[in-house]
Amino acid sequence: MSDNWHQNVKSKNREEIITAGRALFLKHNFINVSIKDVCELAKVSRVTFYKHFKSIEQLIFEVQIDILKNMTEFIKENSQNGIDGKGKLKKMLYSWVNFAKENKDQMKFITLFDLYYEAYDSNEELKISYEQFVKTDNKYFLNIPILQGIKEGAFREDLNPVKTGYYIFQTIMGVLQRMSYTKIPEDYEMVTFDDITDSVIDMIIGSISNIT
């Protein structure tokens, strides 16, 4: 058998483990999932699992990265038609909201992961790898429309694109994560989640816009 065949089987097993882990984590929360559960759903042995992942924790990190990549790609793909920087950024933010609406379970996973990541002494190697991913793959996608908006005069010249993108990322993620877990109290039944996200997006765009 060729090396390519073995590599394809290895890749297939890895993807099956990630897919199984993701399904179980989203359904039960990862704190309630064991390696045995993952292996049974993926239909692989524990030996095969350990060929790809050193621990269930490593798989949790892998699923978190996979979800964040999917979220970022969804936002990019659904906001390509913005004509100017301001329009592109606004489309990105609304695409983000739509992703959260369609994938509440994934938003819940991100929230639980963030809490776990901060509260527990995770493996240092995994933490470094995850932080590198955040810095390189997942941090700067908002910078392009911000820079474009600055050049076009729609956004303030004094903005730091990196800091501004980070502020926006944290603000939107905070709102959407809370929305994935909570219900609006009966006393505020006239308010919808769309009202909240619309006002947050308007606030963000207004705070960085160039007032003329």
N, C-alpha and C. Protein backbone atom coordinates (compact mmCIF):
# COMPACT_ATOMS: atom_id res chain seq x y z
N MET A 1 0.84 -1.20 0.00
CA MET A 1 0.00 0.00 0.00
C MET A 1 0.87 1.25 0.00
N SER A 2 0.42 2.27 -0.70
CA SER A 2 1.21 3.48 -0.86
C SER A 2 1.17 4.35 0.38
N ASP A 3 2.17 5.26 0.47
CA ASP A 3 2.20 6.22 1.57
C ASP A 3 0.98 7.12 1.53
N ASN A 4 0.53 7.45 0.32
CA ASN A 4 -0.66 8.31 0.17
C ASN A 4 -1.89 7.67 0.77
N TRP A 5 -2.03 6.36 0.60
CA TRP A 5 -3.19 5.65 1.16
C TRP A 5 -3.17 5.74 2.69
N HIS A 6 -2.00 5.48 3.27
CA HIS A 6 -1.89 5.55 4.73
C HIS A 6 -2.16 6.97 5.24
N GLN A 7 -1.67 7.97 4.50
CA GLN A 7 -1.88 9.35 4.90
C GLN A 7 -3.35 9.72 4.82
N ASN A 8 -4.04 9.23 3.78
CA ASN A 8 -5.48 9.51 3.63
C ASN A 8 -6.28 8.88 4.76
N VAL A 9 -5.91 7.65 5.15
CA VAL A 9 -6.60 6.98 6.26
C VAL A 9 -6.35 7.74 7.55
N LYS A 10 -5.11 8.17 7.75
CA LYS A 10 -4.77 8.93 8.96
C LYS A 10 -5.55 10.23 9.03
N SER A 11 -5.62 10.95 7.90
CA SER A 11 -6.36 12.21 7.86
C SER A 11 -7.84 11.98 8.09
N LYS A 12 -8.37 10.90 7.49
CA LYS A 12 -9.79 10.56 7.64
C LYS A 12 -10.11 10.27 9.11
N ASN A 13 -9.25 9.50 9.77
CA ASN A 13 -9.47 9.19 11.19
C ASN A 13 -9.46 10.46 12.03
N ARG A 14 -8.53 11.35 11.76
CA ARG A 14 -8.43 12.59 12.52
C ARG A 14 -9.70 13.42 12.36
N GLU A 15 -10.18 13.54 11.12
CA GLU A 15 -11.39 14.31 10.86
C GLU A 15 -12.60 13.68 11.53
N GLU A 16 -12.66 12.35 11.52
CA GLU A 16 -13.77 11.65 12.17
C GLU A 16 -13.76 11.89 13.68
N ILE A 17 -12.59 11.93 14.27
CA ILE A 17 -12.47 12.19 15.72
C ILE A 17 -12.90 13.62 16.03
N ILE A 18 -12.45 14.57 15.22
CA ILE A 18 -12.84 15.97 15.43
C ILE A 18 -14.34 16.14 15.26
N THR A 19 -14.90 15.51 14.23
CA THR A 19 -16.34 15.60 13.98
C THR A 19 -17.14 15.01 15.14
N ALA A 20 -16.70 13.86 15.63
CA ALA A 20 -17.38 13.21 16.75
C ALA A 20 -17.25 14.06 18.02
N GLY A 21 -16.06 14.55 18.27
CA GLY A 21 -15.85 15.39 19.44
C GLY A 21 -16.71 16.63 19.40
N ARG A 22 -16.74 17.25 18.24
CA ARG A 22 -17.55 18.47 18.09
C ARG A 22 -19.02 18.19 18.36
N ALA A 23 -19.55 17.10 17.78
CA ALA A 23 -20.96 16.75 17.97
C ALA A 23 -21.27 16.50 19.45
N LEU A 24 -20.40 15.79 20.12
CA LEU A 24 -20.62 15.48 21.54
C LEU A 24 -20.45 16.71 22.43
N PHE A 25 -19.45 17.52 22.14
CA PHE A 25 -19.21 18.73 22.93
C PHE A 25 -20.38 19.69 22.82
N LEU A 26 -20.92 19.83 21.60
CA LEU A 26 -22.03 20.76 21.40
C LEU A 26 -23.31 20.26 22.06
N LYS A 27 -23.45 18.96 22.13
CA LYS A 27 -24.67 18.38 22.70
C LYS A 27 -24.61 18.29 24.22
N HIS A 28 -23.46 17.91 24.75
CA HIS A 28 -23.37 17.61 26.18
C HIS A 28 -22.46 18.55 26.97
N ASN A 29 -21.77 19.46 26.30
CA ASN A 29 -20.70 20.26 26.91
C ASN A 29 -19.49 19.36 27.14
N PHE A 30 -18.31 19.88 26.88
CA PHE A 30 -17.13 19.01 26.88
C PHE A 30 -16.76 18.49 28.27
N ILE A 31 -17.24 19.14 29.33
CA ILE A 31 -16.91 18.66 30.68
C ILE A 31 -17.57 17.31 30.97
N ASN A 32 -18.57 16.94 30.16
CA ASN A 32 -19.28 15.68 30.38
C ASN A 32 -18.94 14.61 29.34
N VAL A 33 -17.90 14.86 28.54
CA VAL A 33 -17.55 13.94 27.44
C VAL A 33 -16.18 13.31 27.72
N SER A 34 -16.11 12.01 27.51
CA SER A 34 -14.84 11.30 27.73
C SER A 34 -14.24 10.85 26.40
N ILE A 35 -12.98 10.41 26.45
CA ILE A 35 -12.33 9.86 25.26
C ILE A 35 -13.10 8.64 24.76
N LYS A 36 -13.60 7.84 25.70
CA LYS A 36 -14.39 6.66 25.32
C LYS A 36 -15.61 7.06 24.50
N ASP A 37 -16.30 8.12 24.92
CA ASP A 37 -17.49 8.59 24.19
C ASP A 37 -17.12 8.99 22.77
N VAL A 38 -16.03 9.71 22.64
CA VAL A 38 -15.59 10.17 21.32
C VAL A 38 -15.23 8.99 20.43
N CYS A 39 -14.48 8.05 20.97
CA CYS A 39 -14.06 6.89 20.19
C CYS A 39 -15.26 6.06 19.71
N GLU A 40 -16.25 5.91 20.58
CA GLU A 40 -17.44 5.14 20.20
C GLU A 40 -18.19 5.81 19.07
N LEU A 41 -18.35 7.14 19.13
CA LEU A 41 -19.07 7.83 18.07
C LEU A 41 -18.26 7.87 16.78
N ALA A 42 -16.95 8.06 16.88
CA ALA A 42 -16.09 8.11 15.69
C ALA A 42 -15.79 6.72 15.14
N LYS A 43 -16.09 5.69 15.93
CA LYS A 43 -15.83 4.31 15.54
C LYS A 43 -14.34 4.07 15.31
N VAL A 44 -13.55 4.56 16.26
CA VAL A 44 -12.11 4.32 16.23
C VAL A 44 -11.68 3.81 17.60
N SER A 45 -10.51 3.23 17.67
CA SER A 45 -10.00 2.72 18.93
C SER A 45 -9.31 3.84 19.72
N ARG A 46 -9.08 3.59 21.00
CA ARG A 46 -8.34 4.55 21.82
C ARG A 46 -6.92 4.73 21.29
N VAL A 47 -6.37 3.65 20.75
CA VAL A 47 -5.02 3.72 20.17
C VAL A 47 -5.00 4.72 19.02
N THR A 48 -6.04 4.64 18.18
CA THR A 48 -6.14 5.58 17.06
C THR A 48 -6.33 7.01 17.55
N PHE A 49 -7.14 7.17 18.58
CA PHE A 49 -7.33 8.50 19.16
C PHE A 49 -5.99 9.09 19.59
N TYR A 50 -5.19 8.30 20.31
CA TYR A 50 -3.93 8.80 20.85
C TYR A 50 -2.85 8.99 19.77
N LYS A 51 -3.09 8.46 18.60
CA LYS A 51 -2.17 8.74 17.48
C LYS A 51 -2.33 10.18 17.01
N HIS A 52 -3.50 10.76 17.27
CA HIS A 52 -3.80 12.11 16.78
C HIS A 52 -3.86 13.15 17.89
N PHE A 53 -4.28 12.74 19.08
CA PHE A 53 -4.46 13.69 20.18
C PHE A 53 -3.88 13.11 21.47
N LYS A 54 -3.18 13.93 22.20
CA LYS A 54 -2.56 13.48 23.44
C LYS A 54 -3.58 13.38 24.58
N SER A 55 -4.68 14.12 24.45
CA SER A 55 -5.66 14.16 25.54
C SER A 55 -6.99 14.68 25.01
N ILE A 56 -8.03 14.55 25.84
CA ILE A 56 -9.33 15.13 25.47
C ILE A 56 -9.23 16.66 25.44
N GLU A 57 -8.34 17.21 26.24
CA GLU A 57 -8.15 18.66 26.27
C GLU A 57 -7.64 19.17 24.92
N GLN A 58 -6.73 18.44 24.32
CA GLN A 58 -6.21 18.84 23.01
C GLN A 58 -7.33 18.84 21.97
N LEU A 59 -8.22 17.85 22.06
CA LEU A 59 -9.36 17.79 21.14
C LEU A 59 -10.30 18.97 21.37
N ILE A 60 -10.51 19.35 22.62
CA ILE A 60 -11.35 20.51 22.94
C ILE A 60 -10.79 21.77 22.29
N PHE A 61 -9.48 21.97 22.40
CA PHE A 61 -8.84 23.13 21.78
C PHE A 61 -9.01 23.07 20.26
N GLU A 62 -8.86 21.89 19.68
CA GLU A 62 -8.99 21.72 18.24
C GLU A 62 -10.39 22.08 17.76
N VAL A 63 -11.40 21.66 18.50
CA VAL A 63 -12.78 21.98 18.13
C VAL A 63 -13.05 23.48 18.27
N GLN A 64 -12.52 24.10 19.30
CA GLN A 64 -12.66 25.55 19.46
C GLN A 64 -12.08 26.30 18.26
N ILE A 65 -10.89 25.91 17.84
CA ILE A 65 -10.25 26.54 16.69
C ILE A 65 -11.08 26.32 15.43
N ASP A 66 -11.59 25.11 15.28
CA ASP A 66 -12.42 24.77 14.11
C ASP A 66 -13.68 25.63 14.06
N ILE A 67 -14.33 25.83 15.20
CA ILE A 67 -15.53 26.65 15.25
C ILE A 67 -15.22 28.11 14.94
N LEU A 68 -14.13 28.63 15.51
CA LEU A 68 -13.75 30.02 15.24
C LEU A 68 -13.41 30.24 13.77
N LYS A 69 -12.74 29.26 13.15
CA LYS A 69 -12.44 29.35 11.72
C LYS A 69 -13.72 29.38 10.90
N ASN A 70 -14.67 28.50 11.24
CA ASN A 70 -15.94 28.46 10.53
C ASN A 70 -16.70 29.78 10.68
N MET A 71 -16.67 30.33 11.89
CA MET A 71 -17.36 31.60 12.14
C MET A 71 -16.74 32.72 11.31
N THR A 72 -15.41 32.79 11.30
CA THR A 72 -14.73 33.84 10.55
C THR A 72 -15.00 33.72 9.06
N GLU A 73 -14.95 32.49 8.53
CA GLU A 73 -15.22 32.28 7.11
C GLU A 73 -16.65 32.65 6.75
N PHE A 74 -17.59 32.31 7.63
CA PHE A 74 -18.99 32.67 7.41
C PHE A 74 -19.13 34.18 7.31
N ILE A 75 -18.50 34.89 8.22
CA ILE A 75 -18.58 36.36 8.23
C ILE A 75 -17.99 36.93 6.95
N LYS A 76 -16.83 36.43 6.55
CA LYS A 76 -16.17 36.94 5.34
C LYS A 76 -16.99 36.67 4.09
N GLU A 77 -17.47 35.42 3.97
CA GLU A 77 -18.21 35.02 2.77
C GLU A 77 -19.52 35.77 2.62
N ASN A 78 -20.13 36.15 3.74
CA ASN A 78 -21.43 36.81 3.68
C ASN A 78 -21.34 38.33 3.78
N SER A 79 -20.14 38.86 3.59
CA SER A 79 -20.00 40.32 3.65
C SER A 79 -19.08 40.84 2.55
N GLN A 80 -19.02 40.10 1.45
CA GLN A 80 -18.10 40.47 0.38
C GLN A 80 -18.65 41.58 -0.53
N ASN A 81 -19.93 41.83 -0.46
CA ASN A 81 -20.54 42.77 -1.40
C ASN A 81 -20.60 44.21 -0.92
N GLY A 82 -19.99 44.48 0.23
CA GLY A 82 -19.97 45.87 0.70
C GLY A 82 -19.16 46.74 -0.25
N ILE A 83 -19.68 47.88 -0.62
CA ILE A 83 -19.00 48.73 -1.60
C ILE A 83 -17.85 49.48 -0.97
N ASP A 84 -18.07 50.07 0.18
CA ASP A 84 -17.03 50.84 0.85
C ASP A 84 -16.69 50.21 2.19
N GLY A 85 -15.65 50.75 2.86
CA GLY A 85 -15.20 50.18 4.12
C GLY A 85 -16.27 50.16 5.18
N LYS A 86 -17.00 51.25 5.28
CA LYS A 86 -18.06 51.35 6.29
C LYS A 86 -19.15 50.33 6.02
N GLY A 87 -19.52 50.19 4.75
CA GLY A 87 -20.54 49.21 4.37
C GLY A 87 -20.09 47.78 4.62
N LYS A 88 -18.80 47.51 4.32
CA LYS A 88 -18.27 46.16 4.53
C LYS A 88 -18.25 45.80 6.01
N LEU A 89 -17.82 46.76 6.84
CA LEU A 89 -17.77 46.48 8.28
C LEU A 89 -19.17 46.22 8.82
N LYS A 90 -20.13 47.01 8.39
CA LYS A 90 -21.51 46.83 8.86
C LYS A 90 -22.04 45.47 8.42
N LYS A 91 -21.74 45.06 7.19
CA LYS A 91 -22.17 43.75 6.72
C LYS A 91 -21.52 42.63 7.51
N MET A 92 -20.25 42.83 7.85
CA MET A 92 -19.56 41.82 8.67
C MET A 92 -20.25 41.64 10.01
N LEU A 93 -20.61 42.75 10.64
CA LEU A 93 -21.22 42.68 11.96
C LEU A 93 -22.59 42.01 11.90
N TYR A 94 -23.36 42.32 10.86
CA TYR A 94 -24.68 41.67 10.72
C TYR A 94 -24.53 40.19 10.35
N SER A 95 -23.49 39.85 9.57
CA SER A 95 -23.23 38.45 9.26
C SER A 95 -22.87 37.69 10.52
N TRP A 96 -22.13 38.36 11.40
CA TRP A 96 -21.76 37.78 12.70
C TRP A 96 -23.00 37.46 13.52
N VAL A 97 -23.93 38.41 13.54
CA VAL A 97 -25.19 38.21 14.27
C VAL A 97 -25.95 37.03 13.67
N ASN A 98 -25.98 36.93 12.34
CA ASN A 98 -26.69 35.83 11.69
C ASN A 98 -26.05 34.49 12.01
N PHE A 99 -24.72 34.46 12.08
CA PHE A 99 -24.03 33.22 12.46
C PHE A 99 -24.46 32.80 13.86
N ALA A 100 -24.51 33.76 14.77
CA ALA A 100 -24.90 33.45 16.16
C ALA A 100 -26.33 32.94 16.24
N LYS A 101 -27.22 33.52 15.44
CA LYS A 101 -28.62 33.08 15.42
C LYS A 101 -28.73 31.64 14.93
N GLU A 102 -27.94 31.32 13.90
CA GLU A 102 -28.04 30.01 13.27
C GLU A 102 -27.23 28.94 14.01
N ASN A 103 -26.33 29.37 14.87
CA ASN A 103 -25.42 28.41 15.53
C ASN A 103 -25.29 28.71 17.03
N LYS A 104 -26.42 28.71 17.72
CA LYS A 104 -26.39 29.00 19.16
C LYS A 104 -25.55 27.99 19.93
N ASP A 105 -25.58 26.74 19.49
CA ASP A 105 -24.81 25.72 20.19
C ASP A 105 -23.31 26.00 20.09
N GLN A 106 -22.89 26.51 18.93
CA GLN A 106 -21.47 26.82 18.76
C GLN A 106 -21.07 28.04 19.59
N MET A 107 -21.96 29.02 19.68
CA MET A 107 -21.69 30.19 20.52
C MET A 107 -21.60 29.78 21.99
N LYS A 108 -22.44 28.84 22.39
CA LYS A 108 -22.39 28.35 23.77
C LYS A 108 -21.07 27.63 24.03
N PHE A 109 -20.61 26.86 23.04
CA PHE A 109 -19.34 26.16 23.19
C PHE A 109 -18.20 27.16 23.38
N ILE A 110 -18.18 28.21 22.55
CA ILE A 110 -17.14 29.23 22.65
C ILE A 110 -17.14 29.87 24.04
N THR A 111 -18.35 30.14 24.55
CA THR A 111 -18.47 30.73 25.88
C THR A 111 -17.91 29.80 26.95
N LEU A 112 -18.31 28.54 26.90
CA LEU A 112 -17.84 27.56 27.89
C LEU A 112 -16.33 27.38 27.78
N PHE A 113 -15.82 27.35 26.56
CA PHE A 113 -14.38 27.21 26.37
C PHE A 113 -13.63 28.40 26.99
N ASP A 114 -14.14 29.60 26.74
CA ASP A 114 -13.49 30.80 27.29
C ASP A 114 -13.44 30.75 28.81
N LEU A 115 -14.54 30.31 29.43
CA LEU A 115 -14.58 30.19 30.89
C LEU A 115 -13.59 29.14 31.37
N TYR A 116 -13.57 28.01 30.68
CA TYR A 116 -12.67 26.91 31.04
C TYR A 116 -11.22 27.34 30.87
N TYR A 117 -10.95 27.99 29.75
CA TYR A 117 -9.59 28.42 29.40
C TYR A 117 -9.03 29.36 30.46
N GLU A 118 -9.87 30.24 30.97
CA GLU A 118 -9.42 31.21 31.97
C GLU A 118 -9.37 30.62 33.38
N ALA A 119 -10.28 29.68 33.65
CA ALA A 119 -10.42 29.20 35.03
C ALA A 119 -9.48 28.05 35.39
N TYR A 120 -9.05 27.29 34.38
CA TYR A 120 -8.26 26.10 34.68
C TYR A 120 -6.84 26.20 34.13
N ASP A 121 -5.97 25.47 34.75
CA ASP A 121 -4.56 25.49 34.36
C ASP A 121 -4.36 24.54 33.19
N SER A 122 -4.66 25.02 32.00
CA SER A 122 -4.56 24.19 30.81
C SER A 122 -3.09 23.93 30.46
N ASN A 123 -2.90 22.91 29.65
CA ASN A 123 -1.56 22.57 29.18
C ASN A 123 -0.91 23.77 28.50
N GLU A 124 0.32 24.09 28.91
CA GLU A 124 1.00 25.29 28.41
C GLU A 124 1.22 25.24 26.90
N GLU A 125 1.55 24.09 26.38
CA GLU A 125 1.76 23.93 24.93
C GLU A 125 0.48 24.24 24.16
N LEU A 126 -0.65 23.76 24.68
CA LEU A 126 -1.93 24.03 24.02
C LEU A 126 -2.28 25.51 24.09
N LYS A 127 -2.01 26.13 25.22
CA LYS A 127 -2.30 27.55 25.39
C LYS A 127 -1.49 28.39 24.42
N ILE A 128 -0.22 28.06 24.26
CA ILE A 128 0.64 28.80 23.33
C ILE A 128 0.15 28.63 21.90
N SER A 129 -0.20 27.40 21.54
CA SER A 129 -0.69 27.12 20.19
C SER A 129 -1.99 27.87 19.91
N TYR A 130 -2.89 27.89 20.90
CA TYR A 130 -4.16 28.58 20.73
C TYR A 130 -3.96 30.09 20.64
N GLU A 131 -3.10 30.63 21.47
CA GLU A 131 -2.84 32.07 21.44
C GLU A 131 -2.21 32.48 20.11
N GLN A 132 -1.38 31.60 19.54
CA GLN A 132 -0.78 31.87 18.24
C GLN A 132 -1.85 31.91 17.15
N PHE A 133 -2.81 30.97 17.24
CA PHE A 133 -3.92 30.96 16.29
C PHE A 133 -4.72 32.25 16.37
N VAL A 134 -5.05 32.67 17.58
CA VAL A 134 -5.83 33.89 17.77
C VAL A 134 -5.10 35.10 17.20
N LYS A 135 -3.78 35.15 17.41
CA LYS A 135 -2.98 36.29 16.95
C LYS A 135 -2.90 36.34 15.43
N THR A 136 -2.79 35.18 14.79
CA THR A 136 -2.53 35.16 13.36
C THR A 136 -3.77 34.92 12.51
N ASP A 137 -4.56 33.93 12.85
CA ASP A 137 -5.66 33.50 12.00
C ASP A 137 -6.98 34.20 12.29
N ASN A 138 -7.19 34.61 13.53
CA ASN A 138 -8.55 34.99 13.92
C ASN A 138 -8.67 36.42 14.44
N LYS A 139 -7.60 37.19 14.38
CA LYS A 139 -7.63 38.46 15.08
C LYS A 139 -7.84 39.66 14.17
N TYR A 140 -7.34 39.58 12.94
CA TYR A 140 -7.22 40.78 12.14
C TYR A 140 -8.22 40.89 10.98
N PHE A 141 -9.22 40.04 10.91
CA PHE A 141 -10.10 40.10 9.75
C PHE A 141 -10.96 41.36 9.71
N LEU A 142 -11.12 42.03 10.85
CA LEU A 142 -11.87 43.29 10.88
C LEU A 142 -11.03 44.48 10.44
N ASN A 143 -9.72 44.31 10.39
CA ASN A 143 -8.85 45.44 10.08
C ASN A 143 -9.01 45.96 8.66
N ILE A 144 -9.31 45.06 7.72
CA ILE A 144 -9.39 45.47 6.30
C ILE A 144 -10.48 46.52 6.08
N PRO A 145 -11.74 46.27 6.50
CA PRO A 145 -12.75 47.32 6.30
C PRO A 145 -12.49 48.56 7.13
N ILE A 146 -11.87 48.40 8.31
CA ILE A 146 -11.56 49.57 9.14
C ILE A 146 -10.53 50.45 8.43
N LEU A 147 -9.46 49.83 7.92
CA LEU A 147 -8.44 50.58 7.18
C LEU A 147 -9.03 51.25 5.94
N GLN A 148 -9.88 50.51 5.23
CA GLN A 148 -10.51 51.07 4.04
C GLN A 148 -11.37 52.27 4.40
N GLY A 149 -12.13 52.14 5.49
CA GLY A 149 -13.00 53.23 5.93
C GLY A 149 -12.21 54.47 6.32
N ILE A 150 -11.04 54.27 6.94
CA ILE A 150 -10.18 55.39 7.32
C ILE A 150 -9.68 56.10 6.06
N LYS A 151 -9.21 55.32 5.08
CA LYS A 151 -8.69 55.89 3.83
C LYS A 151 -9.77 56.64 3.07
N GLU A 152 -10.99 56.15 3.15
CA GLU A 152 -12.10 56.79 2.43
C GLU A 152 -12.66 58.00 3.17
N GLY A 153 -12.21 58.20 4.41
CA GLY A 153 -12.69 59.33 5.20
C GLY A 153 -13.97 59.06 5.96
N ALA A 154 -14.46 57.82 5.90
CA ALA A 154 -15.70 57.49 6.61
C ALA A 154 -15.45 57.27 8.10
N PHE A 155 -14.25 56.76 8.43
CA PHE A 155 -13.88 56.52 9.82
C PHE A 155 -12.82 57.53 10.26
N ARG A 156 -12.73 57.75 11.55
CA ARG A 156 -11.82 58.73 12.10
C ARG A 156 -10.35 58.40 11.78
N GLU A 157 -9.58 59.42 11.50
CA GLU A 157 -8.18 59.24 11.16
C GLU A 157 -7.34 58.80 12.35
N ASP A 158 -7.78 59.10 13.55
CA ASP A 158 -6.99 58.79 14.74
C ASP A 158 -7.15 57.34 15.21
N LEU A 159 -7.96 56.57 14.51
CA LEU A 159 -8.20 55.19 14.93
C LEU A 159 -6.96 54.33 14.72
N ASN A 160 -6.70 53.45 15.68
CA ASN A 160 -5.71 52.40 15.52
C ASN A 160 -6.47 51.16 15.05
N PRO A 161 -6.26 50.72 13.79
CA PRO A 161 -7.05 49.62 13.25
C PRO A 161 -6.98 48.34 14.08
N VAL A 162 -5.79 48.02 14.61
CA VAL A 162 -5.63 46.79 15.39
C VAL A 162 -6.43 46.86 16.69
N LYS A 163 -6.26 47.96 17.42
CA LYS A 163 -7.00 48.13 18.67
C LYS A 163 -8.50 48.21 18.42
N THR A 164 -8.89 48.96 17.39
CA THR A 164 -10.31 49.12 17.09
C THR A 164 -10.95 47.77 16.73
N GLY A 165 -10.24 46.98 15.91
CA GLY A 165 -10.74 45.65 15.56
C GLY A 165 -10.90 44.77 16.78
N TYR A 166 -9.94 44.87 17.71
CA TYR A 166 -10.01 44.07 18.94
C TYR A 166 -11.19 44.51 19.81
N TYR A 167 -11.39 45.83 19.94
CA TYR A 167 -12.52 46.33 20.73
C TYR A 167 -13.84 45.83 20.15
N ILE A 168 -13.95 45.92 18.83
CA ILE A 168 -15.19 45.48 18.17
C ILE A 168 -15.39 43.98 18.36
N PHE A 169 -14.33 43.21 18.20
CA PHE A 169 -14.41 41.75 18.36
C PHE A 169 -14.92 41.40 19.75
N GLN A 170 -14.33 42.01 20.78
CA GLN A 170 -14.72 41.70 22.14
C GLN A 170 -16.16 42.14 22.43
N THR A 171 -16.56 43.29 21.89
CA THR A 171 -17.91 43.79 22.13
C THR A 171 -18.97 42.89 21.51
N ILE A 172 -18.78 42.57 20.23
CA ILE A 172 -19.76 41.74 19.53
C ILE A 172 -19.82 40.33 20.12
N MET A 173 -18.65 39.74 20.37
CA MET A 173 -18.64 38.39 20.93
C MET A 173 -19.31 38.37 22.29
N GLY A 174 -19.07 39.39 23.11
CA GLY A 174 -19.70 39.44 24.43
C GLY A 174 -21.21 39.48 24.33
N VAL A 175 -21.73 40.31 23.44
CA VAL A 175 -23.18 40.43 23.26
C VAL A 175 -23.77 39.12 22.74
N LEU A 176 -23.15 38.55 21.71
CA LEU A 176 -23.70 37.35 21.08
C LEU A 176 -23.59 36.12 22.00
N GLN A 177 -22.52 36.04 22.77
CA GLN A 177 -22.40 34.93 23.70
C GLN A 177 -23.47 35.00 24.78
N ARG A 178 -23.72 36.19 25.28
CA ARG A 178 -24.76 36.35 26.31
C ARG A 178 -26.14 36.03 25.72
N MET A 179 -26.38 36.45 24.50
CA MET A 179 -27.66 36.17 23.85
C MET A 179 -27.88 34.68 23.65
N SER A 180 -26.80 33.92 23.45
CA SER A 180 -26.93 32.48 23.21
C SER A 180 -27.35 31.73 24.47
N TYR A 181 -27.13 32.36 25.64
CA TYR A 181 -27.42 31.69 26.91
C TYR A 181 -28.64 32.24 27.65
N THR A 182 -28.98 33.49 27.40
CA THR A 182 -30.02 34.12 28.22
C THR A 182 -31.29 34.43 27.44
N LYS A 183 -32.37 34.62 28.20
CA LYS A 183 -33.64 35.05 27.63
C LYS A 183 -33.95 36.45 28.12
N ILE A 184 -34.66 37.20 27.30
CA ILE A 184 -35.05 38.55 27.70
C ILE A 184 -36.14 38.44 28.75
N PRO A 185 -36.00 39.12 29.90
CA PRO A 185 -37.01 39.06 30.97
C PRO A 185 -38.39 39.50 30.47
N GLU A 186 -39.43 38.96 31.09
CA GLU A 186 -40.80 39.28 30.69
C GLU A 186 -41.09 40.78 30.79
N ASP A 187 -40.48 41.46 31.74
CA ASP A 187 -40.70 42.90 31.89
C ASP A 187 -40.24 43.69 30.67
N TYR A 188 -39.38 43.05 29.84
CA TYR A 188 -38.85 43.73 28.65
C TYR A 188 -39.26 42.99 27.38
N GLU A 189 -40.45 42.40 27.41
CA GLU A 189 -40.88 41.58 26.29
C GLU A 189 -41.05 42.38 24.99
N MET A 190 -41.13 43.72 25.12
CA MET A 190 -41.23 44.53 23.91
C MET A 190 -39.88 44.67 23.21
N VAL A 191 -38.81 44.24 23.89
CA VAL A 191 -37.46 44.30 23.32
C VAL A 191 -37.11 42.95 22.71
N THR A 192 -36.51 42.96 21.52
CA THR A 192 -36.06 41.73 20.88
C THR A 192 -34.54 41.71 20.81
N PHE A 193 -33.99 40.55 20.54
CA PHE A 193 -32.55 40.45 20.38
C PHE A 193 -32.08 41.25 19.16
N ASP A 194 -32.94 41.32 18.13
CA ASP A 194 -32.59 42.13 16.97
C ASP A 194 -32.48 43.60 17.36
N ASP A 195 -33.36 44.05 18.25
CA ASP A 195 -33.27 45.44 18.73
C ASP A 195 -31.92 45.68 19.40
N ILE A 196 -31.50 44.71 20.20
CA ILE A 196 -30.24 44.84 20.93
C ILE A 196 -29.05 44.87 19.97
N THR A 197 -29.01 43.89 19.05
CA THR A 197 -27.86 43.84 18.13
C THR A 197 -27.84 45.03 17.18
N ASP A 198 -29.02 45.48 16.75
CA ASP A 198 -29.08 46.68 15.89
C ASP A 198 -28.49 47.89 16.61
N SER A 199 -28.86 48.05 17.88
CA SER A 199 -28.39 49.22 18.63
C SER A 199 -26.89 49.12 18.90
N VAL A 200 -26.39 47.91 19.16
CA VAL A 200 -24.95 47.72 19.40
C VAL A 200 -24.15 48.03 18.13
N ILE A 201 -24.63 47.53 16.99
CA ILE A 201 -23.94 47.78 15.73
C ILE A 201 -23.96 49.27 15.39
N ASP A 202 -25.11 49.91 15.59
CA ASP A 202 -25.20 51.36 15.35
C ASP A 202 -24.23 52.12 16.26
N MET A 203 -24.13 51.68 17.52
CA MET A 203 -23.23 52.32 18.47
C MET A 203 -21.78 52.17 18.02
N ILE A 204 -21.41 50.96 17.58
CA ILE A 204 -20.04 50.71 17.14
C ILE A 204 -19.70 51.56 15.92
N ILE A 205 -20.55 51.52 14.91
CA ILE A 205 -20.29 52.27 13.68
C ILE A 205 -20.25 53.77 13.99
N GLY A 206 -21.17 54.22 14.82
CA GLY A 206 -21.21 55.65 15.17
C GLY A 206 -19.99 56.10 15.93
N SER A 207 -19.44 55.22 16.78
CA SER A 207 -18.29 55.61 17.61
C SER A 207 -17.00 55.75 16.82
N ILE A 208 -16.91 55.10 15.67
CA ILE A 208 -15.67 55.19 14.87
C ILE A 208 -15.84 56.02 13.61
N SER A 209 -17.08 56.48 13.36
CA SER A 209 -17.33 57.26 12.14
C SER A 209 -16.79 58.66 12.24
N ASN A 210 -16.41 59.19 11.11
CA ASN A 210 -15.90 60.55 11.03
C ASN A 210 -17.08 61.51 10.98
N ILE A 211 -17.23 62.34 12.00
CA ILE A 211 -18.33 63.30 12.05
C ILE A 211 -17.96 64.54 11.24
N THR A 212 -18.76 64.79 10.21
CA THR A 212 -18.48 65.97 9.35
C THR A 212 -19.63 66.93 9.38
